[in-house]
C-alpha atoms as a PDB file:
ATOM      1  CA  UNK A   1      94.954  90.162  58.971  1.00  0.00           C
ATOM      2  CA  UNK A   2      91.558  90.623  60.698  1.00  0.00           C
ATOM      3  CA  UNK A   3      90.980  86.887  60.755  1.00  0.00           C
ATOM      4  CA  UNK A   4      94.344  86.306  62.399  1.00  0.00           C
ATOM      5  CA  UNK A   5      93.591  88.944  65.041  1.00  0.00           C
ATOM      6  CA  UNK A   6      90.233  87.309  65.814  1.00  0.00           C
ATOM      7  CA  UNK A   7      91.856  83.899  66.074  1.00  0.00           C
ATOM      8  CA  UNK A   8      94.455  85.236  68.509  1.00  0.00           C
ATOM      9  CA  UNK A   9      91.728  86.875  70.547  1.00  0.00           C
ATOM     10  CA  UNK A  10      89.847  83.569  70.832  1.00  0.00           C
ATOM     11  CA  UNK A  11      93.002  81.776  71.900  1.00  0.00           C
ATOM     12  CA  UNK A  12      93.627  84.397  74.558  1.00  0.00           C
ATOM     13  CA  UNK A  13      90.174  83.655  76.077  1.00  0.00           C
ATOM     14  CA  UNK A  14      90.817  79.918  76.403  1.00  0.00           C
ATOM     15  CA  UNK A  15      90.861  78.913  80.093  1.00  0.00           C
ATOM     16  CA  UNK A  16      92.150  75.471  81.217  1.00  0.00           C
ATOM     17  CA  UNK A  17      89.435  73.300  82.783  1.00  0.00           C
ATOM     18  CA  UNK A  18      91.492  72.871  85.933  1.00  0.00           C
ATOM     19  CA  UNK A  19      91.443  76.668  86.445  1.00  0.00           C
ATOM     20  CA  UNK A  20      87.680  76.811  86.003  1.00  0.00           C
ATOM     21  CA  UNK A  21      87.265  74.022  88.551  1.00  0.00           C
ATOM     22  CA  UNK A  22      89.443  75.824  91.120  1.00  0.00           C
ATOM     23  CA  UNK A  23      87.612  79.105  90.542  1.00  0.00           C
ATOM     24  CA  UNK A  24      84.120  77.657  90.931  1.00  0.00           C
ATOM     25  CA  UNK A  25      85.086  75.625  94.009  1.00  0.00           C
ATOM     26  CA  UNK A  26      86.652  78.659  95.665  1.00  0.00           C
ATOM     27  CA  UNK A  27      83.711  80.893  94.783  1.00  0.00           C
ATOM     28  CA  UNK A  28      81.269  78.261  96.094  1.00  0.00           C
ATOM     29  CA  UNK A  29      83.292  77.966  99.311  1.00  0.00           C
ATOM     30  CA  UNK A  30      83.307  81.721  99.857  1.00  0.00           C
ATOM     31  CA  UNK A  31      79.566  82.086  99.207  1.00  0.00           C
ATOM     32  CA  UNK A  32      78.726  79.175 101.498  1.00  0.00           C
ATOM     33  CA  UNK A  33      80.721  80.797 104.298  1.00  0.00           C
ATOM     34  CA  UNK A  34      78.633  83.938 103.913  1.00  0.00           C
ATOM     35  CA  UNK A  35      75.423  81.912 103.783  1.00  0.00           C
ATOM     36  CA  UNK A  36      76.360  80.080 106.963  1.00  0.00           C
ATOM     37  CA  UNK A  37      76.920  83.393 108.691  1.00  0.00           C
ATOM     38  CA  UNK A  38      73.574  84.678 107.410  1.00  0.00           C
ATOM     39  CA  UNK A  39      71.862  81.500 108.650  1.00  0.00           C
ATOM     40  CA  UNK A  40      73.386  81.912 112.128  1.00  0.00           C
ATOM     41  CA  UNK A  41      72.372  85.555 112.181  1.00  0.00           C
ATOM     42  CA  UNK A  42      68.796  84.757 111.213  1.00  0.00           C
ATOM     43  CA  UNK A  43      68.642  82.078 113.949  1.00  0.00           C
ATOM     44  CA  UNK A  44      69.779  84.671 116.477  1.00  0.00           C
ATOM     45  CA  UNK A  45      67.147  87.152 115.303  1.00  0.00           C
ATOM     46  CA  UNK A  46      64.499  84.429 115.620  1.00  0.00           C
ATOM     47  CA  UNK A  47      65.494  83.889 119.245  1.00  0.00           C
ATOM     48  CA  UNK A  48      65.199  87.610 119.970  1.00  0.00           C
ATOM     49  CA  UNK A  49      61.775  87.900 118.422  1.00  0.00           C
ATOM     50  CA  UNK A  50      58.568  87.040 120.272  1.00  0.00           C
ATOM     51  CA  UNK A  51      56.303  87.577 117.301  1.00  0.00           C
ATOM     52  CA  UNK A  52      55.037  84.177 115.991  1.00  0.00           C
ATOM     53  CA  UNK A  53      54.470  85.410 112.455  1.00  0.00           C
ATOM     54  CA  UNK A  54      57.952  86.943 112.311  1.00  0.00           C
ATOM     55  CA  UNK A  55      59.487  83.740 113.571  1.00  0.00           C
ATOM     56  CA  UNK A  56      57.642  81.876 110.813  1.00  0.00           C
ATOM     57  CA  UNK A  57      59.046  84.182 108.128  1.00  0.00           C
ATOM     58  CA  UNK A  58      62.545  83.915 109.595  1.00  0.00           C
ATOM     59  CA  UNK A  59      62.292  80.101 109.411  1.00  0.00           C
ATOM     60  CA  UNK A  60      61.329  80.372 105.758  1.00  0.00           C
ATOM     61  CA  UNK A  61      64.352  82.574 105.171  1.00  0.00           C
ATOM     62  CA  UNK A  62      66.597  80.035 106.861  1.00  0.00           C
ATOM     63  CA  UNK A  63      65.190  77.289 104.616  1.00  0.00           C
ATOM     64  CA  UNK A  64      65.951  79.364 101.536  1.00  0.00           C
ATOM     65  CA  UNK A  65      69.501  79.966 102.714  1.00  0.00           C
ATOM     66  CA  UNK A  66      69.930  76.287 103.460  1.00  0.00           C
ATOM     67  CA  UNK A  67      68.662  75.271 100.047  1.00  0.00           C
ATOM     68  CA  UNK A  68      71.056  77.638  98.286  1.00  0.00           C
ATOM     69  CA  UNK A  69      73.948  76.322 100.359  1.00  0.00           C
ATOM     70  CA  UNK A  70      73.020  72.748  99.426  1.00  0.00           C
ATOM     71  CA  UNK A  71      72.899  73.668  95.735  1.00  0.00           C
ATOM     72  CA  UNK A  72      76.388  75.138  95.985  1.00  0.00           C
ATOM     73  CA  UNK A  73      77.547  71.987  97.784  1.00  0.00           C
ATOM     74  CA  UNK A  74      76.180  69.824  94.946  1.00  0.00           C
ATOM     75  CA  UNK A  75      77.968  72.043  92.471  1.00  0.00           C
ATOM     76  CA  UNK A  76      81.247  71.561  94.371  1.00  0.00           C
ATOM     77  CA  UNK A  77      80.720  67.785  94.453  1.00  0.00           C
ATOM     78  CA  UNK A  78      80.067  67.820  90.705  1.00  0.00           C
ATOM     79  CA  UNK A  79      83.497  69.342  90.204  1.00  0.00           C
ATOM     80  CA  UNK A  80      85.246  67.291  92.854  1.00  0.00           C
ATOM     81  CA  UNK A  81      88.033  64.813  92.284  1.00  0.00           C
ATOM     82  CA  UNK A  82      87.307  61.116  92.214  1.00  0.00           C
ATOM     83  CA  UNK A  83      89.221  59.034  94.775  1.00  0.00           C
ATOM     84  CA  UNK A  84      87.645  55.563  94.714  1.00  0.00           C
ATOM     85  CA  UNK A  85      88.202  52.964  97.416  1.00  0.00           C
ATOM     86  CA  UNK A  86      87.935  49.651  95.607  1.00  0.00           C
ATOM     87  CA  UNK A  87      86.474  46.422  96.909  1.00  0.00           C
ATOM     88  CA  UNK A  88      85.196  43.214  95.332  1.00  0.00           C
ATOM     89  CA  UNK A  89      81.436  43.205  94.839  1.00  0.00           C
ATOM     90  CA  UNK A  90      79.187  40.669  93.147  1.00  0.00           C
ATOM     91  CA  UNK A  91      77.699  42.266  90.061  1.00  0.00           C
ATOM     92  CA  UNK A  92      74.207  40.841  90.646  1.00  0.00           C
ATOM     93  CA  UNK A  93      74.182  42.191  94.206  1.00  0.00           C
ATOM     94  CA  UNK A  94      75.293  45.633  93.008  1.00  0.00           C
ATOM     95  CA  UNK A  95      72.435  45.774  90.506  1.00  0.00           C
ATOM     96  CA  UNK A  96      69.949  44.656  93.179  1.00  0.00           C
ATOM     97  CA  UNK A  97      71.237  47.299  95.596  1.00  0.00           C
ATOM     98  CA  UNK A  98      70.914  49.889  92.872  1.00  0.00           C
ATOM     99  CA  UNK A  99      67.271  48.867  92.213  1.00  0.00           C
ATOM    100  CA  UNK A 100      66.490  49.254  95.880  1.00  0.00           C
ATOM    101  CA  UNK A 101      68.180  52.672  95.979  1.00  0.00           C
ATOM    102  CA  UNK A 102      66.088  53.837  93.031  1.00  0.00           C
ATOM    103  CA  UNK A 103      62.927  52.607  94.725  1.00  0.00           C
ATOM    104  CA  UNK A 104      63.850  54.581  97.845  1.00  0.00           C
ATOM    105  CA  UNK A 105      64.913  57.782  96.084  1.00  0.00           C
ATOM    106  CA  UNK A 106      61.823  57.813  93.880  1.00  0.00           C
ATOM    107  CA  UNK A 107      59.345  56.416  96.366  1.00  0.00           C
ATOM    108  CA  UNK A 108      55.735  57.018  95.389  1.00  0.00           C
ATOM    109  CA  UNK A 109      56.594  57.557  91.710  1.00  0.00           C
ATOM    110  CA  UNK A 110      55.763  55.196  88.902  1.00  0.00           C
ATOM    111  CA  UNK A 111      59.190  54.467  87.427  1.00  0.00           C
ATOM    112  CA  UNK A 112      57.825  52.061  84.827  1.00  0.00           C
ATOM    113  CA  UNK A 113      61.112  50.257  84.373  1.00  0.00           C
ATOM    114  CA  UNK A 114      61.685  46.718  83.089  1.00  0.00           C
ATOM    115  CA  UNK A 115      64.796  44.872  84.257  1.00  0.00           C
ATOM    116  CA  UNK A 116      66.530  41.986  82.497  1.00  0.00           C
ATOM    117  CA  UNK A 117      69.460  40.803  84.608  1.00  0.00           C
ATOM    118  CA  UNK A 118      71.639  37.939  83.314  1.00  0.00           C
ATOM    119  CA  UNK A 119      74.859  38.176  85.263  1.00  0.00           C
ATOM    120  CA  UNK A 120      75.554  34.863  86.886  1.00  0.00           C
ATOM    121  CA  UNK A 121      78.245  34.655  89.569  1.00  0.00           C
ATOM    122  CA  UNK A 122      80.635  37.389  88.409  1.00  0.00           C
ATOM    123  CA  UNK A 123      82.401  39.986  90.494  1.00  0.00           C
ATOM    124  CA  UNK A 124      83.357  43.640  90.061  1.00  0.00           C
ATOM    125  CA  UNK A 125      86.218  45.593  91.636  1.00  0.00           C
ATOM    126  CA  UNK A 126      84.513  48.875  92.492  1.00  0.00           C
ATOM    127  CA  UNK A 127      83.824  51.679  94.912  1.00  0.00           C
ATOM    128  CA  UNK A 128      80.135  50.816  95.466  1.00  0.00           C
ATOM    129  CA  UNK A 129      79.127  54.247  96.721  1.00  0.00           C
ATOM    130  CA  UNK A 130      80.756  56.170  93.886  1.00  0.00           C
ATOM    131  CA  UNK A 131      79.543  53.791  91.197  1.00  0.00           C
ATOM    132  CA  UNK A 132      76.010  53.851  92.551  1.00  0.00           C
ATOM    133  CA  UNK A 133      76.087  57.663  92.393  1.00  0.00           C
ATOM    134  CA  UNK A 134      77.015  57.399  88.721  1.00  0.00           C
ATOM    135  CA  UNK A 135      74.170  55.019  87.881  1.00  0.00           C
ATOM    136  CA  UNK A 136      71.633  56.988  89.900  1.00  0.00           C
ATOM    137  CA  UNK A 137      72.572  60.097  87.862  1.00  0.00           C
ATOM    138  CA  UNK A 138      71.901  58.208  84.615  1.00  0.00           C
ATOM    139  CA  UNK A 139      68.524  56.962  85.832  1.00  0.00           C
ATOM    140  CA  UNK A 140      67.558  60.353  87.228  1.00  0.00           C
ATOM    141  CA  UNK A 141      68.213  61.906  83.827  1.00  0.00           C
ATOM    142  CA  UNK A 142      66.135  59.197  82.183  1.00  0.00           C
ATOM    143  CA  UNK A 143      63.226  59.709  84.574  1.00  0.00           C
ATOM    144  CA  UNK A 144      63.167  63.486  84.388  1.00  0.00           C
ATOM    145  CA  UNK A 145      64.448  64.775  81.023  1.00  0.00           C
ATOM    146  CA  UNK A 146      62.080  64.615  78.059  1.00  0.00           C
ATOM    147  CA  UNK A 147      60.948  61.108  78.870  1.00  0.00           C
ATOM    148  CA  UNK A 148      58.770  59.567  76.165  1.00  0.00           C
ATOM    149  CA  UNK A 149      55.852  57.235  76.548  1.00  0.00           C
ATOM    150  CA  UNK A 150      56.549  53.630  77.468  1.00  0.00           C
ATOM    151  CA  UNK A 151      58.760  51.752  79.875  1.00  0.00           C
ATOM    152  CA  UNK A 152      62.475  52.175  80.419  1.00  0.00           C
ATOM    153  CA  UNK A 153      64.328  48.937  79.734  1.00  0.00           C
ATOM    154  CA  UNK A 154      67.448  47.946  81.624  1.00  0.00           C
ATOM    155  CA  UNK A 155      69.561  45.002  80.535  1.00  0.00           C
ATOM    156  CA  UNK A 156      72.524  43.905  82.674  1.00  0.00           C
ATOM    157  CA  UNK A 157      74.721  41.109  81.339  1.00  0.00           C
ATOM    158  CA  UNK A 158      78.309  40.077  80.713  1.00  0.00           C
ATOM    159  CA  UNK A 159      80.218  40.233  77.437  1.00  0.00           C
ATOM    160  CA  UNK A 160      83.418  38.269  77.638  1.00  0.00           C
ATOM    161  CA  UNK A 161      85.379  39.965  80.465  1.00  0.00           C
ATOM    162  CA  UNK A 162      83.109  43.012  80.754  1.00  0.00           C
ATOM    163  CA  UNK A 163      80.009  43.896  82.764  1.00  0.00           C
ATOM    164  CA  UNK A 164      77.480  45.666  80.557  1.00  0.00           C
ATOM    165  CA  UNK A 165      74.426  47.698  81.567  1.00  0.00           C
ATOM    166  CA  UNK A 166      72.283  49.094  78.758  1.00  0.00           C
ATOM    167  CA  UNK A 167      69.568  51.614  79.647  1.00  0.00           C
ATOM    168  CA  UNK A 168      67.040  52.167  76.889  1.00  0.00           C
ATOM    169  CA  UNK A 169      64.636  55.057  77.233  1.00  0.00           C
ATOM    170  CA  UNK A 170      61.918  56.203  74.813  1.00  0.00           C
ATOM    171  CA  UNK A 171      62.392  59.739  73.550  1.00  0.00           C
ATOM    172  CA  UNK A 172      60.132  61.194  70.860  1.00  0.00           C
ATOM    173  CA  UNK A 173      62.524  64.133  70.521  1.00  0.00           C
ATOM    174  CA  UNK A 174      66.257  64.095  70.939  1.00  0.00           C
ATOM    175  CA  UNK A 175      68.490  66.713  69.304  1.00  0.00           C
ATOM    176  CA  UNK A 176      71.745  66.311  71.200  1.00  0.00           C
ATOM    177  CA  UNK A 177      74.879  64.777  69.743  1.00  0.00           C
ATOM    178  CA  UNK A 178      76.053  61.556  71.456  1.00  0.00           C
ATOM    179  CA  UNK A 179      79.504  61.646  69.882  1.00  0.00           C
ATOM    180  CA  UNK A 180      81.175  63.128  73.004  1.00  0.00           C
ATOM    181  CA  UNK A 181      78.675  61.862  75.557  1.00  0.00           C
ATOM    182  CA  UNK A 182      79.759  62.919  79.040  1.00  0.00           C
ATOM    183  CA  UNK A 183      82.750  64.827  77.698  1.00  0.00           C
ATOM    184  CA  UNK A 184      81.183  68.284  77.442  1.00  0.00           C
ATOM    185  CA  UNK A 185      80.658  69.730  80.951  1.00  0.00           C
ATOM    186  CA  UNK A 186      78.684  72.966  81.221  1.00  0.00           C
ATOM    187  CA  UNK A 187      77.225  72.285  77.786  1.00  0.00           C
ATOM    188  CA  UNK A 188      73.577  72.345  78.806  1.00  0.00           C
ATOM    189  CA  UNK A 189      72.676  74.663  81.687  1.00  0.00           C
ATOM    190  CA  UNK A 190      69.290  75.433  83.213  1.00  0.00           C
ATOM    191  CA  UNK A 191      67.990  76.592  86.580  1.00  0.00           C
ATOM    192  CA  UNK A 192      69.446  74.267  89.240  1.00  0.00           C
ATOM    193  CA  UNK A 193      71.291  72.213  86.628  1.00  0.00           C
ATOM    194  CA  UNK A 194      74.802  73.036  85.498  1.00  0.00           C
ATOM    195  CA  UNK A 195      75.732  70.408  82.955  1.00  0.00           C
ATOM    196  CA  UNK A 196      78.062  68.478  85.204  1.00  0.00           C
ATOM    197  CA  UNK A 197      76.175  65.232  85.870  1.00  0.00           C
ATOM    198  CA  UNK A 198      77.165  63.208  82.808  1.00  0.00           C
ATOM    199  CA  UNK A 199      80.730  64.461  83.001  1.00  0.00           C
ATOM    200  CA  UNK A 200      80.996  63.219  86.593  1.00  0.00           C
ATOM    201  CA  UNK A 201      79.442  59.871  85.563  1.00  0.00           C
ATOM    202  CA  UNK A 202      82.107  59.493  82.870  1.00  0.00           C
ATOM    203  CA  UNK A 203      84.910  60.371  85.284  1.00  0.00           C
ATOM    204  CA  UNK A 204      83.677  57.862  87.869  1.00  0.00           C
ATOM    205  CA  UNK A 205      83.380  55.125  85.233  1.00  0.00           C
ATOM    206  CA  UNK A 206      86.804  55.798  83.774  1.00  0.00           C
ATOM    207  CA  UNK A 207      88.275  55.661  87.285  1.00  0.00           C
ATOM    208  CA  UNK A 208      86.892  52.097  87.366  1.00  0.00           C
ATOM    209  CA  UNK A 209      88.344  51.233  83.947  1.00  0.00           C
ATOM    210  CA  UNK A 210      84.884  51.582  82.423  1.00  0.00           C
ATOM    211  CA  UNK A 211      83.297  53.374  79.481  1.00  0.00           C
ATOM    212  CA  UNK A 212      80.176  55.411  78.834  1.00  0.00           C
ATOM    213  CA  UNK A 213      78.468  55.465  75.453  1.00  0.00           C
ATOM    214  CA  UNK A 214      75.104  56.630  74.083  1.00  0.00           C
ATOM    215  CA  UNK A 215      73.230  56.168  70.825  1.00  0.00           C
ATOM    216  CA  UNK A 216      69.919  57.558  69.651  1.00  0.00           C
ATOM    217  CA  UNK A 217      67.856  55.485  67.211  1.00  0.00           C
ATOM    218  CA  UNK A 218      65.649  58.022  65.430  1.00  0.00           C
ATOM    219  CA  UNK A 219      63.548  55.320  63.777  1.00  0.00           C
ATOM    220  CA  UNK A 220      62.757  53.579  67.086  1.00  0.00           C
ATOM    221  CA  UNK A 221      62.721  56.877  69.028  1.00  0.00           C
ATOM    222  CA  UNK A 222      64.975  55.260  71.605  1.00  0.00           C
ATOM    223  CA  UNK A 223      68.076  56.518  73.452  1.00  0.00           C
ATOM    224  CA  UNK A 224      70.374  53.766  74.634  1.00  0.00           C
ATOM    225  CA  UNK A 225      73.023  54.539  77.247  1.00  0.00           C
ATOM    226  CA  UNK A 226      75.601  51.795  77.696  1.00  0.00           C
ATOM    227  CA  UNK A 227      78.026  51.369  80.578  1.00  0.00           C
ATOM    228  CA  UNK A 228      80.773  48.775  80.500  1.00  0.00           C
ATOM    229  CA  UNK A 229      83.054  47.798  83.372  1.00  0.00           C
ATOM    230  CA  UNK A 230      85.843  45.227  83.661  1.00  0.00           C
ATOM    231  CA  UNK A 231      85.028  42.089  85.615  1.00  0.00           C
ATOM    232  CA  UNK A 232      87.324  41.092  88.481  1.00  0.00           C
ATOM    233  CA  UNK A 233      89.502  38.213  87.362  1.00  0.00           C
ATOM    234  CA  UNK A 234      89.786  35.432  89.886  1.00  0.00           C
END
């Protein structure tokens, strides 16, 4: 009887994901409205003050408010719906554009990445901006989260009617399950990170008819993330 009561209690606490998304987006919107008002008020106070040191501190306060608002905006984007605008795009050009974007976003950092691109003259039907966001998220995770020694290896190629990009990253320690990779939002949360990145990557890829998979080889100490996308048929 007690077990049944506990089970019913757990069921009563289940909240649909759509409801969570609406709640977080509304809460973020409300907080950002207050932050915008606080930022305007601090700007007004800065104009009234003639003390240089006080103005300096007010500017720091405005920067902190702005940073918090940006974090909330990123959170909202992470929960946002995907509405791709498709266009034909040569696969080799997309990979090259992505390499340039990575070089810009991580300028001054040693990315230590080896590329092997064997695509030929094939075309994708994609939303370039959305799809680039997804790949940049994967690479950002690889660069920043428990990266092991050695180079990242990226192989882009075609397999029958699919575009394939395999990202291999050395990881001496990896304790996560890859069974539901990208399907467990909010699973790993830390300061400034809310466990939404991989979930958004998966949603973007699935909107393109693609798939996201991951596998960790404990003997080689290597995590391989594989993305597949359909090629555009002529």
